[in-house]
Amino acid sequence: MTREADHSHEATGAAAPAGARIARAEMTEAPVSAAELARAVADRAAGAVVTFDGMVRDHDGGRSVDSIAYSCHPSAGEAIERIAADIAARPGLRALAIVHRTGELAIGDTALGVAISADHRAEAFAALADAVEEVKRRLPVWKNQRFSDGTTEWSNCA
């Protein structure tokens, strides 16, 4: 589910309304692109757009990883919306997008994409870091890593 807010400040360059626009806040099985999220949060009044592209890597704990499957609780969509709303309430932000992928992911695929536009870089970087940490802390997502040696491992992290 995506929540859209008033976009009138985008065209005018006026001060952002109370709370940043949430361009996307969702769980999806579709591929995630940090570049697309950056375009979704674009705002003419923003002095910074920062992104996070959390990708599946080929190793973990000294072991070779072949792939990962993400599963989520049915409440995950609501949880990601709450996280986005909490971050969007910060002053100085213009827009944000937080998208987490579920299903089968290959090495190099994006599992978590976040983009934030803000008046200044300091607010943008701080909000981005906090958004990623809040997703890892609060989102009910489980990761099943498949290792090259044929073993698998479940973990409750985003």
N, C-alpha and C. Protein backbone atom coordinates (compact mmCIF):
# COMPACT_ATOMS: atom_id res chain seq x y z
N MET A 1 0.84 -1.17 0.00
CA MET A 1 0.00 0.00 0.00
C MET A 1 0.89 1.23 0.00
N THR A 2 0.48 2.22 -0.74
CA THR A 2 1.25 3.44 -0.83
C THR A 2 0.39 4.61 -0.38
N ARG A 3 0.99 5.51 0.38
CA ARG A 3 0.27 6.70 0.82
C ARG A 3 0.84 7.88 0.05
N GLU A 4 -0.02 8.66 -0.57
CA GLU A 4 0.40 9.86 -1.29
C GLU A 4 -0.08 11.08 -0.51
N ALA A 5 0.75 12.08 -0.41
CA ALA A 5 0.39 13.32 0.26
C ALA A 5 0.30 14.44 -0.75
N ASP A 6 -0.04 15.62 -0.31
CA ASP A 6 -0.15 16.80 -1.16
C ASP A 6 1.19 17.10 -1.79
N HIS A 7 1.21 17.28 -3.11
CA HIS A 7 2.45 17.56 -3.85
C HIS A 7 2.62 19.04 -4.17
N SER A 8 1.77 19.91 -3.65
CA SER A 8 1.80 21.31 -4.07
C SER A 8 3.13 21.98 -3.76
N HIS A 9 3.85 21.55 -2.74
CA HIS A 9 5.13 22.16 -2.41
C HIS A 9 6.22 21.82 -3.43
N GLU A 10 6.02 20.74 -4.21
CA GLU A 10 7.03 20.35 -5.19
C GLU A 10 7.17 21.41 -6.28
N ALA A 11 6.07 21.88 -6.79
CA ALA A 11 6.13 22.82 -7.90
C ALA A 11 6.52 24.22 -7.45
N THR A 12 6.13 24.59 -6.25
CA THR A 12 6.35 25.96 -5.80
C THR A 12 7.68 26.16 -5.11
N GLY A 13 8.24 25.08 -4.56
CA GLY A 13 9.47 25.21 -3.79
C GLY A 13 9.20 25.74 -2.40
N ALA A 14 7.95 25.82 -2.01
CA ALA A 14 7.59 26.30 -0.67
C ALA A 14 8.03 25.31 0.38
N ALA A 15 7.97 25.74 1.62
CA ALA A 15 8.37 24.87 2.72
C ALA A 15 7.54 23.60 2.72
N ALA A 16 8.16 22.51 3.12
CA ALA A 16 7.47 21.23 3.16
C ALA A 16 6.35 21.27 4.20
N PRO A 17 5.23 20.61 3.91
CA PRO A 17 4.16 20.55 4.88
C PRO A 17 4.59 19.70 6.07
N ALA A 18 3.76 19.70 7.11
CA ALA A 18 4.07 18.87 8.26
C ALA A 18 4.12 17.42 7.80
N GLY A 19 5.26 16.82 7.86
CA GLY A 19 5.43 15.44 7.41
C GLY A 19 5.78 15.36 5.94
N ALA A 20 6.79 14.60 5.66
CA ALA A 20 7.24 14.41 4.29
C ALA A 20 6.25 13.52 3.53
N ARG A 21 6.25 13.66 2.23
CA ARG A 21 5.43 12.81 1.36
C ARG A 21 6.01 11.40 1.38
N ILE A 22 5.15 10.42 1.54
CA ILE A 22 5.57 9.02 1.46
C ILE A 22 5.25 8.53 0.06
N ALA A 23 6.28 8.42 -0.77
CA ALA A 23 6.10 8.00 -2.15
C ALA A 23 5.77 6.52 -2.24
N ARG A 24 6.46 5.71 -1.44
CA ARG A 24 6.20 4.27 -1.39
C ARG A 24 6.59 3.77 -0.02
N ALA A 25 5.80 2.85 0.50
CA ALA A 25 6.09 2.15 1.75
C ALA A 25 5.41 0.80 1.63
N GLU A 26 6.19 -0.20 1.20
CA GLU A 26 5.54 -1.46 0.87
C GLU A 26 6.49 -2.65 0.85
N MET A 27 5.85 -3.81 0.92
CA MET A 27 6.50 -5.09 0.69
C MET A 27 6.12 -5.49 -0.74
N THR A 28 7.04 -6.12 -1.46
CA THR A 28 6.75 -6.50 -2.84
C THR A 28 7.54 -7.74 -3.22
N GLU A 29 7.01 -8.50 -4.17
CA GLU A 29 7.76 -9.60 -4.77
C GLU A 29 8.48 -9.15 -6.03
N ALA A 30 8.18 -7.94 -6.50
CA ALA A 30 8.79 -7.41 -7.72
C ALA A 30 10.20 -6.90 -7.42
N PRO A 31 11.06 -6.88 -8.44
CA PRO A 31 12.40 -6.30 -8.24
C PRO A 31 12.31 -4.87 -7.72
N VAL A 32 13.31 -4.49 -6.92
CA VAL A 32 13.38 -3.16 -6.31
C VAL A 32 14.57 -2.43 -6.91
N SER A 33 14.37 -1.15 -7.25
CA SER A 33 15.42 -0.34 -7.83
C SER A 33 15.60 0.93 -7.01
N ALA A 34 16.78 1.11 -6.44
CA ALA A 34 17.06 2.33 -5.67
C ALA A 34 16.98 3.56 -6.57
N ALA A 35 17.36 3.42 -7.84
CA ALA A 35 17.27 4.55 -8.77
C ALA A 35 15.82 4.96 -8.99
N GLU A 36 14.92 3.99 -9.12
CA GLU A 36 13.49 4.30 -9.27
C GLU A 36 12.94 4.96 -8.02
N LEU A 37 13.39 4.50 -6.86
CA LEU A 37 12.94 5.11 -5.60
C LEU A 37 13.44 6.55 -5.51
N ALA A 38 14.66 6.80 -5.96
CA ALA A 38 15.19 8.17 -5.95
C ALA A 38 14.34 9.08 -6.82
N ARG A 39 13.92 8.58 -7.97
CA ARG A 39 13.04 9.39 -8.83
C ARG A 39 11.69 9.63 -8.16
N ALA A 40 11.20 8.64 -7.42
CA ALA A 40 9.90 8.76 -6.76
C ALA A 40 9.90 9.83 -5.66
N VAL A 41 11.05 10.07 -5.05
CA VAL A 41 11.13 11.06 -3.96
C VAL A 41 11.63 12.41 -4.42
N ALA A 42 11.88 12.56 -5.72
CA ALA A 42 12.40 13.82 -6.24
C ALA A 42 11.48 14.98 -5.85
N ASP A 43 12.11 16.09 -5.52
CA ASP A 43 11.38 17.29 -5.09
C ASP A 43 12.24 18.49 -5.44
N ARG A 44 11.69 19.44 -6.14
CA ARG A 44 12.45 20.61 -6.58
C ARG A 44 13.02 21.42 -5.42
N ALA A 45 12.44 21.32 -4.25
CA ALA A 45 12.92 22.08 -3.10
C ALA A 45 13.98 21.33 -2.31
N ALA A 46 14.25 20.09 -2.69
CA ALA A 46 15.23 19.28 -1.95
C ALA A 46 16.65 19.66 -2.33
N GLY A 47 17.51 19.71 -1.33
CA GLY A 47 18.93 19.94 -1.56
C GLY A 47 19.71 18.64 -1.58
N ALA A 48 19.04 17.53 -1.22
CA ALA A 48 19.73 16.23 -1.18
C ALA A 48 18.72 15.11 -1.41
N VAL A 49 19.16 14.10 -2.14
CA VAL A 49 18.46 12.83 -2.26
C VAL A 49 19.48 11.75 -1.97
N VAL A 50 19.20 10.93 -0.97
CA VAL A 50 20.11 9.84 -0.63
C VAL A 50 19.38 8.51 -0.77
N THR A 51 20.13 7.47 -1.12
CA THR A 51 19.52 6.16 -1.30
C THR A 51 20.32 5.08 -0.58
N PHE A 52 19.63 3.99 -0.30
CA PHE A 52 20.25 2.79 0.24
C PHE A 52 19.79 1.63 -0.63
N ASP A 53 20.74 0.82 -1.06
CA ASP A 53 20.46 -0.33 -1.90
C ASP A 53 21.00 -1.56 -1.18
N GLY A 54 20.16 -2.18 -0.35
CA GLY A 54 20.56 -3.35 0.43
C GLY A 54 20.50 -4.59 -0.43
N MET A 55 21.66 -5.07 -0.86
CA MET A 55 21.73 -6.14 -1.86
C MET A 55 22.13 -7.48 -1.24
N VAL A 56 21.71 -8.55 -1.90
CA VAL A 56 22.09 -9.91 -1.51
C VAL A 56 23.54 -10.11 -1.88
N ARG A 57 24.35 -10.47 -0.88
CA ARG A 57 25.78 -10.69 -1.14
C ARG A 57 26.07 -12.19 -1.25
N ASP A 58 27.24 -12.51 -1.75
CA ASP A 58 27.59 -13.90 -2.04
C ASP A 58 28.26 -14.63 -0.88
N HIS A 59 28.25 -14.02 0.30
CA HIS A 59 28.87 -14.67 1.45
C HIS A 59 28.22 -14.17 2.75
N ASP A 60 28.35 -14.96 3.80
CA ASP A 60 27.90 -14.56 5.14
C ASP A 60 28.64 -15.41 6.15
N GLY A 61 29.30 -14.77 7.07
CA GLY A 61 30.00 -15.49 8.13
C GLY A 61 31.05 -16.45 7.61
N GLY A 62 31.73 -16.07 6.52
CA GLY A 62 32.77 -16.91 5.98
C GLY A 62 32.26 -18.05 5.11
N ARG A 63 30.97 -18.09 4.85
CA ARG A 63 30.37 -19.15 4.03
C ARG A 63 29.86 -18.56 2.73
N SER A 64 29.94 -19.32 1.66
CA SER A 64 29.48 -18.89 0.35
C SER A 64 27.96 -19.04 0.25
N VAL A 65 27.27 -17.97 -0.16
CA VAL A 65 25.82 -17.96 -0.29
C VAL A 65 25.44 -18.07 -1.77
N ASP A 66 24.47 -18.95 -2.07
CA ASP A 66 23.97 -19.10 -3.44
C ASP A 66 22.74 -18.23 -3.70
N SER A 67 21.84 -18.14 -2.71
CA SER A 67 20.61 -17.36 -2.88
C SER A 67 19.97 -17.14 -1.51
N ILE A 68 18.93 -16.32 -1.52
CA ILE A 68 18.19 -16.02 -0.29
C ILE A 68 16.71 -16.00 -0.63
N ALA A 69 15.89 -16.46 0.29
CA ALA A 69 14.44 -16.32 0.17
C ALA A 69 13.95 -15.54 1.39
N TYR A 70 13.17 -14.48 1.14
CA TYR A 70 12.58 -13.69 2.22
C TYR A 70 11.11 -14.01 2.35
N SER A 71 10.67 -14.20 3.58
CA SER A 71 9.26 -14.38 3.92
C SER A 71 8.88 -13.30 4.91
N CYS A 72 7.60 -12.96 4.94
CA CYS A 72 7.18 -11.94 5.90
C CYS A 72 5.85 -12.30 6.55
N HIS A 73 5.63 -11.74 7.70
CA HIS A 73 4.36 -11.87 8.42
C HIS A 73 3.31 -11.05 7.67
N PRO A 74 2.03 -11.45 7.73
CA PRO A 74 0.99 -10.66 7.06
C PRO A 74 0.92 -9.19 7.51
N SER A 75 1.44 -8.88 8.68
CA SER A 75 1.42 -7.50 9.18
C SER A 75 2.59 -6.67 8.67
N ALA A 76 3.46 -7.23 7.85
CA ALA A 76 4.66 -6.52 7.40
C ALA A 76 4.34 -5.25 6.62
N GLY A 77 3.30 -5.28 5.80
CA GLY A 77 2.91 -4.09 5.05
C GLY A 77 2.54 -2.94 5.96
N GLU A 78 1.78 -3.24 7.00
CA GLU A 78 1.42 -2.20 7.97
C GLU A 78 2.64 -1.72 8.73
N ALA A 79 3.53 -2.63 9.06
CA ALA A 79 4.74 -2.26 9.81
C ALA A 79 5.63 -1.32 8.99
N ILE A 80 5.80 -1.61 7.71
CA ILE A 80 6.66 -0.75 6.89
C ILE A 80 6.01 0.63 6.71
N GLU A 81 4.68 0.67 6.64
CA GLU A 81 3.98 1.96 6.56
C GLU A 81 4.18 2.78 7.85
N ARG A 82 4.14 2.12 9.00
CA ARG A 82 4.37 2.82 10.28
C ARG A 82 5.80 3.35 10.36
N ILE A 83 6.76 2.54 9.93
CA ILE A 83 8.15 2.98 9.93
C ILE A 83 8.29 4.22 9.04
N ALA A 84 7.72 4.16 7.85
CA ALA A 84 7.79 5.30 6.93
C ALA A 84 7.14 6.54 7.54
N ALA A 85 5.99 6.37 8.17
CA ALA A 85 5.31 7.51 8.79
C ALA A 85 6.15 8.11 9.91
N ASP A 86 6.78 7.26 10.70
CA ASP A 86 7.63 7.75 11.80
C ASP A 86 8.80 8.58 11.25
N ILE A 87 9.44 8.09 10.21
CA ILE A 87 10.57 8.82 9.62
C ILE A 87 10.07 10.09 8.93
N ALA A 88 8.94 10.01 8.23
CA ALA A 88 8.40 11.15 7.48
C ALA A 88 8.04 12.33 8.38
N ALA A 89 7.81 12.07 9.65
CA ALA A 89 7.43 13.14 10.58
C ALA A 89 8.60 14.04 10.96
N ARG A 90 9.80 13.68 10.59
CA ARG A 90 10.98 14.48 10.94
C ARG A 90 11.01 15.80 10.17
N PRO A 91 11.51 16.85 10.80
CA PRO A 91 11.62 18.12 10.09
C PRO A 91 12.71 18.07 9.02
N GLY A 92 12.49 18.83 7.96
CA GLY A 92 13.50 18.97 6.91
C GLY A 92 13.43 17.94 5.81
N LEU A 93 12.58 16.93 5.95
CA LEU A 93 12.45 15.91 4.91
C LEU A 93 11.38 16.33 3.91
N ARG A 94 11.57 15.96 2.66
CA ARG A 94 10.60 16.26 1.60
C ARG A 94 9.78 15.04 1.22
N ALA A 95 10.44 13.91 1.00
CA ALA A 95 9.75 12.69 0.59
C ALA A 95 10.61 11.48 0.93
N LEU A 96 9.96 10.33 1.02
CA LEU A 96 10.71 9.10 1.27
C LEU A 96 10.01 7.91 0.65
N ALA A 97 10.79 6.87 0.43
CA ALA A 97 10.29 5.60 -0.09
C ALA A 97 11.07 4.49 0.60
N ILE A 98 10.33 3.48 1.08
CA ILE A 98 10.94 2.31 1.71
C ILE A 98 10.25 1.08 1.12
N VAL A 99 11.01 0.22 0.48
CA VAL A 99 10.44 -0.97 -0.15
C VAL A 99 11.31 -2.18 0.19
N HIS A 100 10.67 -3.24 0.68
CA HIS A 100 11.38 -4.50 0.99
C HIS A 100 10.81 -5.60 0.12
N ARG A 101 11.70 -6.36 -0.46
CA ARG A 101 11.30 -7.44 -1.35
C ARG A 101 11.14 -8.75 -0.57
N THR A 102 10.21 -9.59 -1.04
CA THR A 102 10.04 -10.93 -0.52
C THR A 102 10.19 -11.91 -1.67
N GLY A 103 10.29 -13.19 -1.33
CA GLY A 103 10.42 -14.23 -2.34
C GLY A 103 11.88 -14.60 -2.56
N GLU A 104 12.12 -15.24 -3.70
CA GLU A 104 13.45 -15.72 -4.05
C GLU A 104 14.30 -14.59 -4.63
N LEU A 105 15.47 -14.37 -4.06
CA LEU A 105 16.39 -13.35 -4.55
C LEU A 105 17.73 -13.98 -4.88
N ALA A 106 18.34 -13.51 -5.95
CA ALA A 106 19.65 -13.98 -6.37
C ALA A 106 20.73 -13.03 -5.85
N ILE A 107 21.96 -13.47 -5.92
CA ILE A 107 23.09 -12.61 -5.56
C ILE A 107 23.01 -11.34 -6.39
N GLY A 108 23.15 -10.19 -5.73
CA GLY A 108 23.10 -8.90 -6.41
C GLY A 108 21.73 -8.26 -6.45
N ASP A 109 20.66 -9.02 -6.17
CA ASP A 109 19.33 -8.42 -6.13
C ASP A 109 19.19 -7.50 -4.92
N THR A 110 18.35 -6.49 -5.06
CA THR A 110 18.07 -5.59 -3.95
C THR A 110 16.97 -6.18 -3.08
N ALA A 111 17.27 -6.32 -1.80
CA ALA A 111 16.28 -6.79 -0.83
C ALA A 111 15.56 -5.62 -0.17
N LEU A 112 16.29 -4.55 0.12
CA LEU A 112 15.72 -3.36 0.76
C LEU A 112 16.20 -2.12 0.03
N GLY A 113 15.26 -1.32 -0.43
CA GLY A 113 15.59 -0.05 -1.06
C GLY A 113 14.96 1.08 -0.28
N VAL A 114 15.74 2.13 -0.04
CA VAL A 114 15.25 3.31 0.67
C VAL A 114 15.77 4.54 -0.06
N ALA A 115 14.91 5.54 -0.22
CA ALA A 115 15.32 6.82 -0.80
C ALA A 115 14.66 7.93 0.00
N ILE A 116 15.42 8.98 0.25
CA ILE A 116 14.91 10.11 1.02
C ILE A 116 15.39 11.41 0.39
N SER A 117 14.47 12.34 0.22
CA SER A 117 14.84 13.69 -0.21
C SER A 117 14.62 14.62 0.98
N ALA A 118 15.51 15.59 1.10
CA ALA A 118 15.46 16.51 2.23
C ALA A 118 16.01 17.86 1.82
N ASP A 119 15.75 18.84 2.66
CA ASP A 119 16.26 20.18 2.40
C ASP A 119 17.79 20.19 2.40
N HIS A 120 18.39 19.42 3.31
CA HIS A 120 19.85 19.42 3.48
C HIS A 120 20.35 17.98 3.65
N ARG A 121 21.63 17.76 3.34
CA ARG A 121 22.20 16.42 3.37
C ARG A 121 22.22 15.81 4.77
N ALA A 122 22.47 16.59 5.80
CA ALA A 122 22.56 16.02 7.15
C ALA A 122 21.26 15.35 7.55
N GLU A 123 20.14 16.01 7.30
CA GLU A 123 18.83 15.41 7.63
C GLU A 123 18.57 14.17 6.78
N ALA A 124 18.97 14.25 5.49
CA ALA A 124 18.75 13.12 4.59
C ALA A 124 19.54 11.89 5.03
N PHE A 125 20.83 12.08 5.33
CA PHE A 125 21.65 10.95 5.75
C PHE A 125 21.18 10.36 7.07
N ALA A 126 20.84 11.21 8.03
CA ALA A 126 20.39 10.73 9.34
C ALA A 126 19.08 9.95 9.21
N ALA A 127 18.15 10.47 8.43
CA ALA A 127 16.87 9.79 8.25
C ALA A 127 17.05 8.46 7.52
N LEU A 128 17.94 8.43 6.54
CA LEU A 128 18.20 7.19 5.80
C LEU A 128 18.76 6.12 6.73
N ALA A 129 19.77 6.47 7.50
CA ALA A 129 20.37 5.51 8.43
C ALA A 129 19.33 4.99 9.42
N ASP A 130 18.52 5.89 9.96
CA ASP A 130 17.51 5.47 10.94
C ASP A 130 16.43 4.62 10.29
N ALA A 131 16.04 4.95 9.06
CA ALA A 131 15.03 4.15 8.37
C ALA A 131 15.51 2.71 8.19
N VAL A 132 16.75 2.54 7.75
CA VAL A 132 17.30 1.19 7.55
C VAL A 132 17.34 0.44 8.88
N GLU A 133 17.80 1.09 9.93
CA GLU A 133 17.88 0.43 11.24
C GLU A 133 16.50 0.07 11.78
N GLU A 134 15.51 0.94 11.56
CA GLU A 134 14.15 0.66 12.02
C GLU A 134 13.54 -0.51 11.25
N VAL A 135 13.81 -0.59 9.96
CA VAL A 135 13.34 -1.74 9.19
C VAL A 135 13.95 -3.02 9.76
N LYS A 136 15.24 -3.00 10.01
CA LYS A 136 15.90 -4.19 10.56
C LYS A 136 15.36 -4.55 11.94
N ARG A 137 14.99 -3.55 12.72
CA ARG A 137 14.51 -3.77 14.09
C ARG A 137 13.04 -4.16 14.15
N ARG A 138 12.20 -3.54 13.32
CA ARG A 138 10.75 -3.66 13.50
C ARG A 138 10.00 -4.46 12.45
N LEU A 139 10.60 -4.70 11.29
CA LEU A 139 9.86 -5.37 10.22
C LEU A 139 9.88 -6.88 10.41
N PRO A 140 8.70 -7.52 10.44
CA PRO A 140 8.65 -8.98 10.61
C PRO A 140 8.96 -9.72 9.30
N VAL A 141 10.26 -9.84 9.03
CA VAL A 141 10.75 -10.50 7.82
C VAL A 141 11.76 -11.56 8.24
N TRP A 142 11.69 -12.71 7.57
CA TRP A 142 12.62 -13.80 7.84
C TRP A 142 13.41 -14.11 6.59
N LYS A 143 14.69 -14.37 6.77
CA LYS A 143 15.60 -14.63 5.65
C LYS A 143 16.08 -16.08 5.72
N ASN A 144 15.95 -16.80 4.62
CA ASN A 144 16.46 -18.17 4.51
C ASN A 144 17.62 -18.14 3.51
N GLN A 145 18.84 -18.22 4.05
CA GLN A 145 20.03 -18.24 3.20
C GLN A 145 20.33 -19.66 2.76
N ARG A 146 20.65 -19.80 1.48
CA ARG A 146 21.05 -21.09 0.94
C ARG A 146 22.52 -21.03 0.62
N PHE A 147 23.29 -21.87 1.31
CA PHE A 147 24.74 -21.86 1.17
C PHE A 147 25.20 -22.83 0.10
N SER A 148 26.38 -22.59 -0.42
CA SER A 148 26.95 -23.41 -1.49
C SER A 148 27.19 -24.85 -1.07
N ASP A 149 27.33 -25.09 0.24
CA ASP A 149 27.56 -26.45 0.71
C ASP A 149 26.26 -27.25 0.85
N GLY A 150 25.12 -26.65 0.45
CA GLY A 150 23.83 -27.35 0.48
C GLY A 150 23.03 -27.09 1.75
N THR A 151 23.60 -26.43 2.73
CA THR A 151 22.87 -26.15 3.97
C THR A 151 22.09 -24.84 3.82
N THR A 152 21.14 -24.66 4.73
CA THR A 152 20.35 -23.42 4.78
C THR A 152 20.34 -22.90 6.21
N GLU A 153 20.03 -21.62 6.32
CA GLU A 153 19.98 -20.99 7.66
C GLU A 153 18.90 -19.91 7.65
N TRP A 154 17.99 -19.97 8.61
CA TRP A 154 16.96 -18.96 8.79
C TRP A 154 17.45 -17.91 9.78
N SER A 155 17.11 -16.67 9.52
CA SER A 155 17.37 -15.62 10.49
C SER A 155 16.24 -14.60 10.42
N ASN A 156 15.97 -13.96 11.55
CA ASN A 156 14.91 -12.96 11.63
C ASN A 156 15.53 -11.59 11.50
N CYS A 157 15.94 -11.25 10.27
CA CYS A 157 16.49 -9.93 10.03
C CYS A 157 16.06 -9.47 8.65
N ALA A 158 16.06 -8.16 8.47
CA ALA A 158 15.62 -7.62 7.17
C ALA A 158 16.82 -7.44 6.26
